[in-house]
Every structure is written in structure tokens, then in C-alpha cells.
Amino acid sequence: MREILQKLAQGKITVDEAEKALRLYAIEKVGQFARLDVTRELRRGVPEIVLGEGKSDEDIVGICKRMLDTSGRVIVTRLNDTQITRLKKTFTPNYELTELPHAKSLVMRKTDYKRVETGGRVGIVTAGTVDLPIAEEAAMIAQEMGCKTFLEADAGVAGIHRLVEPLNRMIENDVDSLIVVAGREGALPTVVAGLVDLPLIAVPTSSGYGYGGRGEGALMAMLQACSLGIAVVNIDSGIAAGVVAGQIANRVAKARTARPTTH
């Protein structure tokens, strides 16, 4: 990276050539157990996310240290209580820690790390409070992509009247994209898509039981939705939904900023 910047400073390459070279500068190796894509955010606008499941405490600590050294921030998801305790003990008080209690996730930053605000706006609606862990993941990653998020919980179709105020607030906040999270029969995205003119990402969750449980019934219902304009991610894929919604919102925000002001 230093070589690229030196060439740019010396006039040997153009700004466009330097940007392209930096986008290609991709992989940071951590020992023998991980390869971190430290420039993913530069290339795609999506930060590297560390999955806690299946990793030892030592591996997670090592990965987090390297990410903090190289990019100033690390996002760690799907942690257990032991892992969370270990990370807090290791990185407090030298780093800023944000814990998402429902999602069992942590965002850690160097004290001088500054998150860029893009102006994108992402709305998130859940059918029930049981869906909050997945909704929290989606909100977390959209925020780390620079978006402002608006989360409304417990607006499921079992009491259709509960949906009115949350949707009104989404419209009032002029969100650029909308994530709808639901388990059981997964009906909420279909209803919402019939009421708003927003790009909608549906997330089936593994709440529910019996026939079609574990999110399978919700996934099938969302894929079969009658309302158009619904994109569907995999079961419990809050991160995937947050990334798609964040990318849409950031493109809209960029266009909004570039639009000439009329007098």
C-alpha cells in the first residue's frame, strides 16, 4: 500500500490507477488460521465481518487484534457468552466497544476511528420480538456501512393494526430501503410490500416449530409472495439483508447528494 501511495505522490500513476491498485490490495494473513479481506470496504463498501461461531477464544482475539491494527475497527458476530467476556476483558478500556445484546455481536474500534456517514437511510421492521437478534444484525451492518437505521419491532400480521404506526414512521423518515424480518408463516413482507413503494429485503427467521419450523415455512412463503418488489435472503441472514439494504441506501444517498439544487 505504501508503494502505491509513493507512486501516486511522485506522479508515476494517476489517482484512478492508484484507486484501482488499492482495491486489488486485498488479503491480510493472520498466522495459519485466517485470511482477512482488509480492503473489502474499499472495494465494495462492505466491511469485513468476523463470524464467532466455531472459533476458539484465542483465534478470535488474534483476528480482532489484526483487524484493529489494519483497519481500526472489527465487527464480530454470533458470539457466545464466554467469547464476549474474553473480548471485553482483552480490549477494554483501550478500545471503544459496542455490544448488541440480542444479536450476540460486538463492534470494536480504535478511539480515533471515525465512521463515515453516507446519508443512506435503512428501515427495519420485525414481526415479533423473537426476531430482534436478526434485525439487530441487519441494523448493525447497515450502520457500519454509514447508514442511519430505524428499527420497529413486534409489528406482525397477527395484529395487523400494529403495522400502521411503524410504516408511517418509515415513510416520515424517508427510508431508502426496507428490511422486513419474520418467522412462523412469514407473511409480513408480503403485506408490507403491498403498502409501500420501497425496495424490500425479506428475512425469514428460524422462529416457529412443528411442520415448516426452523424458518423453512417462512422462507417458502416469502419466495412465493404475491406482492412484487421483494428480495429474499436465507434463513436468519440478517447480515446479508443489512448489506443489500445498505448498498441500496448508499447508492440512493450518493445520487441524492449529486442531484443539482433547484432554485
C-alpha atoms as a PDB file:
ATOM      1  CA  MET A   1       0.000   0.000   0.000  1.00  0.00           C
ATOM      2  CA  ARG A   2       2.851   2.381   0.838  1.00  0.00           C
ATOM      3  CA  GLU A   3       4.423   1.708  -2.575  1.00  0.00           C
ATOM      4  CA  ILE A   4       1.167   2.631  -4.300  1.00  0.00           C
ATOM      5  CA  LEU A   5       0.901   5.877  -2.353  1.00  0.00           C
ATOM      6  CA  GLN A   6       4.544   6.736  -3.094  1.00  0.00           C
ATOM      7  CA  LYS A   7       3.968   6.239  -6.832  1.00  0.00           C
ATOM      8  CA  LEU A   8       0.916   8.468  -6.628  1.00  0.00           C
ATOM      9  CA  ALA A   9       2.848  11.197  -4.760  1.00  0.00           C
ATOM     10  CA  GLN A  10       5.660  11.002  -7.345  1.00  0.00           C
ATOM     11  CA  GLY A  11       3.222  11.369 -10.223  1.00  0.00           C
ATOM     12  CA  LYS A  12       4.032   7.920 -11.639  1.00  0.00           C
ATOM     13  CA  ILE A  13       0.396   6.831 -11.559  1.00  0.00           C
ATOM     14  CA  THR A  14      -2.906   8.690 -11.717  1.00  0.00           C
ATOM     15  CA  VAL A  15      -5.482   8.894  -8.933  1.00  0.00           C
ATOM     16  CA  ASP A  16      -7.699   6.420 -10.845  1.00  0.00           C
ATOM     17  CA  GLU A  17      -4.792   3.986 -11.217  1.00  0.00           C
ATOM     18  CA  ALA A  18      -3.978   4.291  -7.505  1.00  0.00           C
ATOM     19  CA  GLU A  19      -7.597   3.638  -6.550  1.00  0.00           C
ATOM     20  CA  LYS A  20      -7.671   0.533  -8.733  1.00  0.00           C
ATOM     21  CA  ALA A  21      -4.398  -0.741  -7.260  1.00  0.00           C
ATOM     22  CA  LEU A  22      -5.652  -0.214  -3.712  1.00  0.00           C
ATOM     23  CA  ARG A  23      -8.817  -2.140  -4.500  1.00  0.00           C
ATOM     24  CA  LEU A  24      -6.694  -5.055  -5.642  1.00  0.00           C
ATOM     25  CA  TYR A  25      -4.634  -4.980  -2.452  1.00  0.00           C
ATOM     26  CA  ALA A  26      -6.831  -7.447  -0.657  1.00  0.00           C
ATOM     27  CA  ILE A  27      -5.631 -10.088   1.760  1.00  0.00           C
ATOM     28  CA  GLU A  28      -4.057  -9.850   5.186  1.00  0.00           C
ATOM     29  CA  LYS A  29      -2.992 -13.184   6.651  1.00  0.00           C
ATOM     30  CA  VAL A  30      -3.313 -13.930  10.338  1.00  0.00           C
ATOM     31  CA  GLY A  31      -0.967 -16.753  11.370  1.00  0.00           C
ATOM     32  CA  GLN A  32      -2.093 -20.023   9.830  1.00  0.00           C
ATOM     33  CA  PHE A  33      -5.769 -19.849  10.718  1.00  0.00           C
ATOM     34  CA  ALA A  34      -7.363 -16.883   8.907  1.00  0.00           C
ATOM     35  CA  ARG A  35      -7.123 -14.657   5.860  1.00  0.00           C
ATOM     36  CA  LEU A  36      -8.756 -11.282   6.382  1.00  0.00           C
ATOM     37  CA  ASP A  37     -10.104  -9.268   3.483  1.00  0.00           C
ATOM     38  CA  VAL A  38      -8.965  -5.950   4.902  1.00  0.00           C
ATOM     39  CA  THR A  39      -9.815  -3.894   1.800  1.00  0.00           C
ATOM     40  CA  ARG A  40     -13.300  -5.247   1.167  1.00  0.00           C
ATOM     41  CA  GLU A  41     -14.807  -1.993   2.387  1.00  0.00           C
ATOM     42  CA  LEU A  42     -12.630  -0.018  -0.021  1.00  0.00           C
ATOM     43  CA  ARG A  43     -13.653  -2.221  -2.953  1.00  0.00           C
ATOM     44  CA  ARG A  44     -17.316  -2.842  -2.186  1.00  0.00           C
ATOM     45  CA  GLY A  45     -18.417  -0.531   0.601  1.00  0.00           C
ATOM     46  CA  VAL A  46     -18.906  -3.588   2.838  1.00  0.00           C
ATOM     47  CA  PRO A  47     -16.637  -4.105   5.862  1.00  0.00           C
ATOM     48  CA  GLU A  48     -15.052  -7.436   6.794  1.00  0.00           C
ATOM     49  CA  ILE A  49     -17.207  -9.303   9.329  1.00  0.00           C
ATOM     50  CA  VAL A  50     -15.791 -11.965  11.646  1.00  0.00           C
ATOM     51  CA  LEU A  51     -18.069 -14.911  12.449  1.00  0.00           C
ATOM     52  CA  GLY A  52     -17.563 -16.041  16.027  1.00  0.00           C
ATOM     53  CA  GLU A  53     -19.192 -19.456  15.681  1.00  0.00           C
ATOM     54  CA  GLY A  54     -16.745 -22.347  15.663  1.00  0.00           C
ATOM     55  CA  LYS A  55     -13.682 -20.269  16.526  1.00  0.00           C
ATOM     56  CA  SER A  56     -11.593 -20.628  19.662  1.00  0.00           C
ATOM     57  CA  ASP A  57     -11.219 -17.686  22.020  1.00  0.00           C
ATOM     58  CA  GLU A  58      -7.541 -17.392  21.050  1.00  0.00           C
ATOM     59  CA  ASP A  59      -8.321 -17.312  17.331  1.00  0.00           C
ATOM     60  CA  ILE A  60     -10.948 -14.609  17.769  1.00  0.00           C
ATOM     61  CA  VAL A  61      -8.651 -12.463  19.886  1.00  0.00           C
ATOM     62  CA  GLY A  62      -5.855 -12.798  17.314  1.00  0.00           C
ATOM     63  CA  ILE A  63      -8.146 -11.931  14.422  1.00  0.00           C
ATOM     64  CA  CYS A  64      -9.581  -8.933  16.259  1.00  0.00           C
ATOM     65  CA  LYS A  65      -6.127  -7.585  17.102  1.00  0.00           C
ATOM     66  CA  ARG A  66      -5.057  -7.789  13.470  1.00  0.00           C
ATOM     67  CA  MET A  67      -8.246  -6.175  12.204  1.00  0.00           C
ATOM     68  CA  LEU A  68      -7.942  -3.338  14.708  1.00  0.00           C
ATOM     69  CA  ASP A  69      -4.312  -2.801  13.716  1.00  0.00           C
ATOM     70  CA  THR A  70      -5.031  -2.758   9.978  1.00  0.00           C
ATOM     71  CA  SER A  71      -8.401  -1.040   9.715  1.00  0.00           C
ATOM     72  CA  GLY A  72      -9.151   0.437  13.132  1.00  0.00           C
ATOM     73  CA  ARG A  73     -12.413  -1.466  13.537  1.00  0.00           C
ATOM     74  CA  VAL A  74     -13.622  -5.044  13.816  1.00  0.00           C
ATOM     75  CA  ILE A  75     -17.164  -6.450  13.662  1.00  0.00           C
ATOM     76  CA  VAL A  76     -17.653  -9.838  15.347  1.00  0.00           C
ATOM     77  CA  THR A  77     -20.973 -11.717  15.131  1.00  0.00           C
ATOM     78  CA  ARG A  78     -22.658 -14.812  16.587  1.00  0.00           C
ATOM     79  CA  LEU A  79     -20.570 -14.925  19.748  1.00  0.00           C
ATOM     80  CA  ASN A  80     -21.240 -16.996  22.834  1.00  0.00           C
ATOM     81  CA  ASP A  81     -21.154 -15.525  26.336  1.00  0.00           C
ATOM     82  CA  THR A  82     -17.647 -16.836  27.029  1.00  0.00           C
ATOM     83  CA  GLN A  83     -16.274 -15.242  23.856  1.00  0.00           C
ATOM     84  CA  ILE A  84     -17.946 -11.913  24.644  1.00  0.00           C
ATOM     85  CA  THR A  85     -16.472 -11.899  28.141  1.00  0.00           C
ATOM     86  CA  ARG A  86     -12.994 -12.702  26.786  1.00  0.00           C
ATOM     87  CA  LEU A  87     -13.138  -9.937  24.167  1.00  0.00           C
ATOM     88  CA  LYS A  88     -14.360  -7.367  26.672  1.00  0.00           C
ATOM     89  CA  LYS A  89     -11.604  -8.297  29.088  1.00  0.00           C
ATOM     90  CA  THR A  90      -8.937  -8.146  26.365  1.00  0.00           C
ATOM     91  CA  PHE A  91      -9.937  -4.917  24.625  1.00  0.00           C
ATOM     92  CA  THR A  92     -11.426  -2.774  27.414  1.00  0.00           C
ATOM     93  CA  PRO A  93     -10.640   0.084  28.078  1.00  0.00           C
ATOM     94  CA  ASN A  94      -8.200   0.717  25.215  1.00  0.00           C
ATOM     95  CA  TYR A  95     -10.868   0.431  22.512  1.00  0.00           C
ATOM     96  CA  GLU A  96     -14.456   1.566  22.098  1.00  0.00           C
ATOM     97  CA  LEU A  97     -16.830  -1.412  22.339  1.00  0.00           C
ATOM     98  CA  THR A  98     -20.449  -1.526  21.220  1.00  0.00           C
ATOM     99  CA  GLU A  99     -22.345  -4.633  22.274  1.00  0.00           C
ATOM    100  CA  LEU A 100     -25.536  -5.798  20.560  1.00  0.00           C
ATOM    101  CA  PRO A 101     -27.136  -7.959  23.254  1.00  0.00           C
ATOM    102  CA  HIS A 102     -29.822  -9.659  21.171  1.00  0.00           C
ATOM    103  CA  ALA A 103     -27.504 -10.403  18.244  1.00  0.00           C
ATOM    104  CA  LYS A 104     -24.626 -11.538  20.493  1.00  0.00           C
ATOM    105  CA  SER A 105     -22.275  -9.323  18.481  1.00  0.00           C
ATOM    106  CA  LEU A 106     -19.588  -6.733  19.170  1.00  0.00           C
ATOM    107  CA  VAL A 107     -18.215  -3.768  17.238  1.00  0.00           C
ATOM    108  CA  MET A 108     -14.806  -2.629  18.456  1.00  0.00           C
ATOM    109  CA  ARG A 109     -12.957   0.478  17.294  1.00  0.00           C
ATOM    110  CA  LYS A 110      -9.793   2.388  17.974  1.00  0.00           C
ATOM    111  CA  THR A 111     -10.605   5.545  19.887  1.00  0.00           C
ATOM    112  CA  ASP A 112      -9.637   7.695  16.893  1.00  0.00           C
ATOM    113  CA  TYR A 113     -11.656   5.660  14.366  1.00  0.00           C
ATOM    114  CA  LYS A 114     -14.215   7.782  12.534  1.00  0.00           C
ATOM    115  CA  ARG A 115     -17.138   6.115  10.784  1.00  0.00           C
ATOM    116  CA  VAL A 116     -18.160   7.896   7.589  1.00  0.00           C
ATOM    117  CA  GLU A 117     -21.832   8.849   7.470  1.00  0.00           C
ATOM    118  CA  THR A 118     -23.178   8.356   3.949  1.00  0.00           C
ATOM    119  CA  GLY A 119     -26.650   9.806   4.346  1.00  0.00           C
ATOM    120  CA  GLY A 120     -28.295   6.475   3.490  1.00  0.00           C
ATOM    121  CA  ARG A 121     -31.391   5.527   5.476  1.00  0.00           C
ATOM    122  CA  VAL A 122     -32.451   1.940   6.180  1.00  0.00           C
ATOM    123  CA  GLY A 123     -35.703   0.884   7.831  1.00  0.00           C
ATOM    124  CA  ILE A 124     -36.140  -2.433   9.649  1.00  0.00           C
ATOM    125  CA  VAL A 125     -39.447  -3.941  10.780  1.00  0.00           C
ATOM    126  CA  THR A 126     -39.828  -7.199  12.697  1.00  0.00           C
ATOM    127  CA  ALA A 127     -42.895  -9.381  13.063  1.00  0.00           C
ATOM    128  CA  GLY A 128     -42.109 -10.254  16.690  1.00  0.00           C
ATOM    129  CA  THR A 129     -39.643  -9.536  19.463  1.00  0.00           C
ATOM    130  CA  VAL A 130     -38.202 -13.022  18.893  1.00  0.00           C
ATOM    131  CA  ASP A 131     -36.883 -11.702  15.562  1.00  0.00           C
ATOM    132  CA  LEU A 132     -34.793  -8.966  17.218  1.00  0.00           C
ATOM    133  CA  PRO A 133     -31.445 -10.855  17.104  1.00  0.00           C
ATOM    134  CA  ILE A 134     -31.601 -10.990  13.304  1.00  0.00           C
ATOM    135  CA  ALA A 135     -32.933  -7.440  12.999  1.00  0.00           C
ATOM    136  CA  GLU A 136     -30.129  -6.196  15.241  1.00  0.00           C
ATOM    137  CA  GLU A 137     -27.529  -7.847  12.983  1.00  0.00           C
ATOM    138  CA  ALA A 138     -29.054  -6.109   9.963  1.00  0.00           C
ATOM    139  CA  ALA A 139     -29.110  -2.732  11.704  1.00  0.00           C
ATOM    140  CA  MET A 140     -25.536  -3.158  12.908  1.00  0.00           C
ATOM    141  CA  ILE A 141     -24.032  -3.788   9.485  1.00  0.00           C
ATOM    142  CA  ALA A 142     -26.098  -1.060   7.795  1.00  0.00           C
ATOM    143  CA  GLN A 143     -24.870   1.400  10.430  1.00  0.00           C
ATOM    144  CA  GLU A 144     -21.254   0.305   9.953  1.00  0.00           C
ATOM    145  CA  MET A 145     -21.732   0.938   6.227  1.00  0.00           C
ATOM    146  CA  GLY A 146     -22.551   4.532   7.118  1.00  0.00           C
ATOM    147  CA  CYS A 147     -26.347   4.411   7.105  1.00  0.00           C
ATOM    148  CA  LYS A 148     -28.807   5.705   9.636  1.00  0.00           C
ATOM    149  CA  THR A 149     -31.201   2.959  10.700  1.00  0.00           C
ATOM    150  CA  PHE A 150     -34.757   2.963  12.017  1.00  0.00           C
ATOM    151  CA  LEU A 151     -35.899  -0.204  13.816  1.00  0.00           C
ATOM    152  CA  GLU A 152     -39.502  -1.051  14.656  1.00  0.00           C
ATOM    153  CA  ALA A 153     -40.240  -4.358  16.435  1.00  0.00           C
ATOM    154  CA  ASP A 154     -43.300  -6.500  17.061  1.00  0.00           C
ATOM    155  CA  ALA A 155     -45.481  -5.408  14.132  1.00  0.00           C
ATOM    156  CA  GLY A 156     -46.606  -8.859  12.958  1.00  0.00           C
ATOM    157  CA  VAL A 157     -49.763  -9.606  10.998  1.00  0.00           C
ATOM    158  CA  ALA A 158     -51.433 -11.428  13.910  1.00  0.00           C
ATOM    159  CA  GLY A 159     -52.477  -7.904  14.915  1.00  0.00           C
ATOM    160  CA  ILE A 160     -52.493  -6.060  11.596  1.00  0.00           C
ATOM    161  CA  HIS A 161     -53.259  -2.733  13.316  1.00  0.00           C
ATOM    162  CA  ARG A 162     -49.764  -2.836  14.869  1.00  0.00           C
ATOM    163  CA  LEU A 163     -48.222  -2.250  11.451  1.00  0.00           C
ATOM    164  CA  VAL A 164     -49.729   1.198  10.807  1.00  0.00           C
ATOM    165  CA  GLU A 165     -47.542   3.333  13.084  1.00  0.00           C
ATOM    166  CA  PRO A 166     -44.221   1.619  12.213  1.00  0.00           C
ATOM    167  CA  LEU A 167     -44.828   2.056   8.481  1.00  0.00           C
ATOM    168  CA  ASN A 168     -45.870   5.662   8.992  1.00  0.00           C
ATOM    169  CA  ARG A 169     -42.585   6.294  10.783  1.00  0.00           C
ATOM    170  CA  MET A 170     -40.634   4.654   7.948  1.00  0.00           C
ATOM    171  CA  ILE A 171     -42.314   6.981   5.465  1.00  0.00           C
ATOM    172  CA  GLU A 172     -41.789  10.014   7.705  1.00  0.00           C
ATOM    173  CA  ASN A 173     -38.078   9.158   7.970  1.00  0.00           C
ATOM    174  CA  ASP A 174     -37.946   8.740   4.176  1.00  0.00           C
ATOM    175  CA  VAL A 175     -36.001   5.468   4.297  1.00  0.00           C
ATOM    176  CA  ASP A 176     -34.267   4.389   1.091  1.00  0.00           C
ATOM    177  CA  SER A 177     -34.703   0.645   1.626  1.00  0.00           C
ATOM    178  CA  LEU A 178     -36.653  -1.555   3.999  1.00  0.00           C
ATOM    179  CA  ILE A 179     -35.831  -4.860   5.708  1.00  0.00           C
ATOM    180  CA  VAL A 180     -38.733  -6.975   6.974  1.00  0.00           C
ATOM    181  CA  VAL A 181     -37.886  -9.791   9.395  1.00  0.00           C
ATOM    182  CA  ALA A 182     -40.419 -12.536  10.183  1.00  0.00           C
ATOM    183  CA  GLY A 183     -40.643 -16.155  11.244  1.00  0.00           C
ATOM    184  CA  ARG A 184     -43.502 -18.668  11.519  1.00  0.00           C
ATOM    185  CA  GLU A 185     -45.659 -18.248   8.364  1.00  0.00           C
ATOM    186  CA  GLY A 186     -43.552 -15.326   7.093  1.00  0.00           C
ATOM    187  CA  ALA A 187     -46.498 -13.233   5.934  1.00  0.00           C
ATOM    188  CA  LEU A 188     -45.316  -9.779   6.994  1.00  0.00           C
ATOM    189  CA  PRO A 189     -43.111  -8.949   3.943  1.00  0.00           C
ATOM    190  CA  THR A 190     -45.981  -9.684   1.549  1.00  0.00           C
ATOM    191  CA  VAL A 191     -48.292  -7.326   3.415  1.00  0.00           C
ATOM    192  CA  VAL A 192     -45.697  -4.565   3.721  1.00  0.00           C
ATOM    193  CA  ALA A 193     -44.691  -4.821   0.045  1.00  0.00           C
ATOM    194  CA  GLY A 194     -48.311  -4.208  -0.894  1.00  0.00           C
ATOM    195  CA  LEU A 195     -48.341  -0.946   1.058  1.00  0.00           C
ATOM    196  CA  VAL A 196     -45.040   0.849   0.361  1.00  0.00           C
ATOM    197  CA  ASP A 197     -43.008   1.786  -2.718  1.00  0.00           C
ATOM    198  CA  LEU A 198     -39.621   0.797  -1.288  1.00  0.00           C
ATOM    199  CA  PRO A 199     -37.006  -1.831  -2.204  1.00  0.00           C
ATOM    200  CA  LEU A 200     -37.791  -4.564   0.327  1.00  0.00           C
ATOM    201  CA  ILE A 201     -35.486  -7.281   1.625  1.00  0.00           C
ATOM    202  CA  ALA A 202     -37.314 -10.101   3.405  1.00  0.00           C
ATOM    203  CA  VAL A 203     -35.564 -12.157   6.083  1.00  0.00           C
ATOM    204  CA  PRO A 204     -37.119 -15.447   7.262  1.00  0.00           C
ATOM    205  CA  THR A 205     -36.137 -16.358  10.801  1.00  0.00           C
ATOM    206  CA  SER A 206     -35.943 -19.749  12.466  1.00  0.00           C
ATOM    207  CA  SER A 207     -38.665 -18.939  14.970  1.00  0.00           C
ATOM    208  CA  GLY A 208     -41.648 -21.269  14.793  1.00  0.00           C
ATOM    209  CA  TYR A 209     -41.959 -25.008  15.335  1.00  0.00           C
ATOM    210  CA  GLY A 210     -43.566 -28.173  14.005  1.00  0.00           C
ATOM    211  CA  TYR A 211     -44.214 -28.623  10.292  1.00  0.00           C
ATOM    212  CA  GLY A 212     -42.399 -25.866   8.407  1.00  0.00           C
ATOM    213  CA  GLY A 213     -40.496 -24.854  11.537  1.00  0.00           C
ATOM    214  CA  ARG A 214     -36.902 -23.607  11.789  1.00  0.00           C
ATOM    215  CA  GLY A 215     -37.718 -20.892   9.256  1.00  0.00           C
ATOM    216  CA  GLU A 216     -38.484 -23.210   6.359  1.00  0.00           C
ATOM    217  CA  GLY A 217     -42.167 -22.264   6.195  1.00  0.00           C
ATOM    218  CA  ALA A 218     -41.319 -18.558   6.348  1.00  0.00           C
ATOM    219  CA  LEU A 219     -38.718 -18.908   3.597  1.00  0.00           C
ATOM    220  CA  MET A 220     -41.097 -20.753   1.283  1.00  0.00           C
ATOM    221  CA  ALA A 221     -43.851 -18.179   1.887  1.00  0.00           C
ATOM    222  CA  MET A 222     -41.538 -15.276   1.126  1.00  0.00           C
ATOM    223  CA  LEU A 223     -40.284 -16.918  -2.073  1.00  0.00           C
ATOM    224  CA  GLN A 224     -43.919 -17.459  -3.113  1.00  0.00           C
ATOM    225  CA  ALA A 225     -45.001 -13.914  -2.191  1.00  0.00           C
ATOM    226  CA  CYS A 226     -47.708 -12.431  -4.376  1.00  0.00           C
ATOM    227  CA  SER A 227     -46.545  -8.833  -3.850  1.00  0.00           C
ATOM    228  CA  LEU A 228     -43.751  -7.808  -6.220  1.00  0.00           C
ATOM    229  CA  GLY A 229     -40.566  -5.992  -5.281  1.00  0.00           C
ATOM    230  CA  ILE A 230     -39.417  -8.423  -2.579  1.00  0.00           C
ATOM    231  CA  ALA A 231     -35.879  -9.810  -2.454  1.00  0.00           C
ATOM    232  CA  VAL A 232     -35.412 -12.754  -0.079  1.00  0.00           C
ATOM    233  CA  VAL A 233     -32.251 -13.774   1.778  1.00  0.00           C
ATOM    234  CA  ASN A 234     -31.564 -17.037   3.567  1.00  0.00           C
ATOM    235  CA  ILE A 235     -32.954 -18.036   6.961  1.00  0.00           C
ATOM    236  CA  ASP A 236     -31.593 -15.867   9.799  1.00  0.00           C
ATOM    237  CA  SER A 237     -29.395 -13.913   7.348  1.00  0.00           C
ATOM    238  CA  GLY A 238     -29.625 -10.516   8.983  1.00  0.00           C
ATOM    239  CA  ILE A 239     -26.111  -9.611   7.868  1.00  0.00           C
ATOM    240  CA  ALA A 240     -26.902 -10.350   4.212  1.00  0.00           C
ATOM    241  CA  ALA A 241     -30.075  -8.271   4.384  1.00  0.00           C
ATOM    242  CA  GLY A 242     -28.249  -5.387   6.063  1.00  0.00           C
ATOM    243  CA  VAL A 243     -25.577  -5.383   3.355  1.00  0.00           C
ATOM    244  CA  VAL A 244     -28.094  -5.321   0.489  1.00  0.00           C
ATOM    245  CA  ALA A 245     -30.217  -2.633   2.143  1.00  0.00           C
ATOM    246  CA  GLY A 246     -27.105  -0.608   2.983  1.00  0.00           C
ATOM    247  CA  GLN A 247     -25.783  -0.755  -0.563  1.00  0.00           C
ATOM    248  CA  ILE A 248     -29.145   0.348  -1.966  1.00  0.00           C
ATOM    249  CA  ALA A 249     -29.423   3.174   0.556  1.00  0.00           C
ATOM    250  CA  ASN A 250     -25.878   4.361  -0.062  1.00  0.00           C
ATOM    251  CA  ARG A 251     -26.402   4.465  -3.836  1.00  0.00           C
ATOM    252  CA  VAL A 252     -29.602   6.464  -3.300  1.00  0.00           C
ATOM    253  CA  ALA A 253     -27.802   8.818  -0.901  1.00  0.00           C
ATOM    254  CA  LYS A 254     -24.993   9.327  -3.396  1.00  0.00           C
ATOM    255  CA  ALA A 255     -27.485  10.206  -6.120  1.00  0.00           C
ATOM    256  CA  ARG A 256     -29.364  12.483  -3.737  1.00  0.00           C
ATOM    257  CA  THR A 257     -26.160  14.379  -2.918  1.00  0.00           C
ATOM    258  CA  ALA A 258     -25.160  14.673  -6.580  1.00  0.00           C
ATOM    259  CA  ARG A 259     -28.554  15.961  -7.658  1.00  0.00           C
ATOM    260  CA  PRO A 260     -28.376  19.683  -8.540  1.00  0.00           C
ATOM    261  CA  THR A 261     -30.267  22.020  -6.248  1.00  0.00           C
ATOM    262  CA  THR A 262     -33.168  23.827  -7.907  1.00  0.00           C
ATOM    263  CA  HIS A 263     -33.896  27.443  -7.106  1.00  0.00           C
END
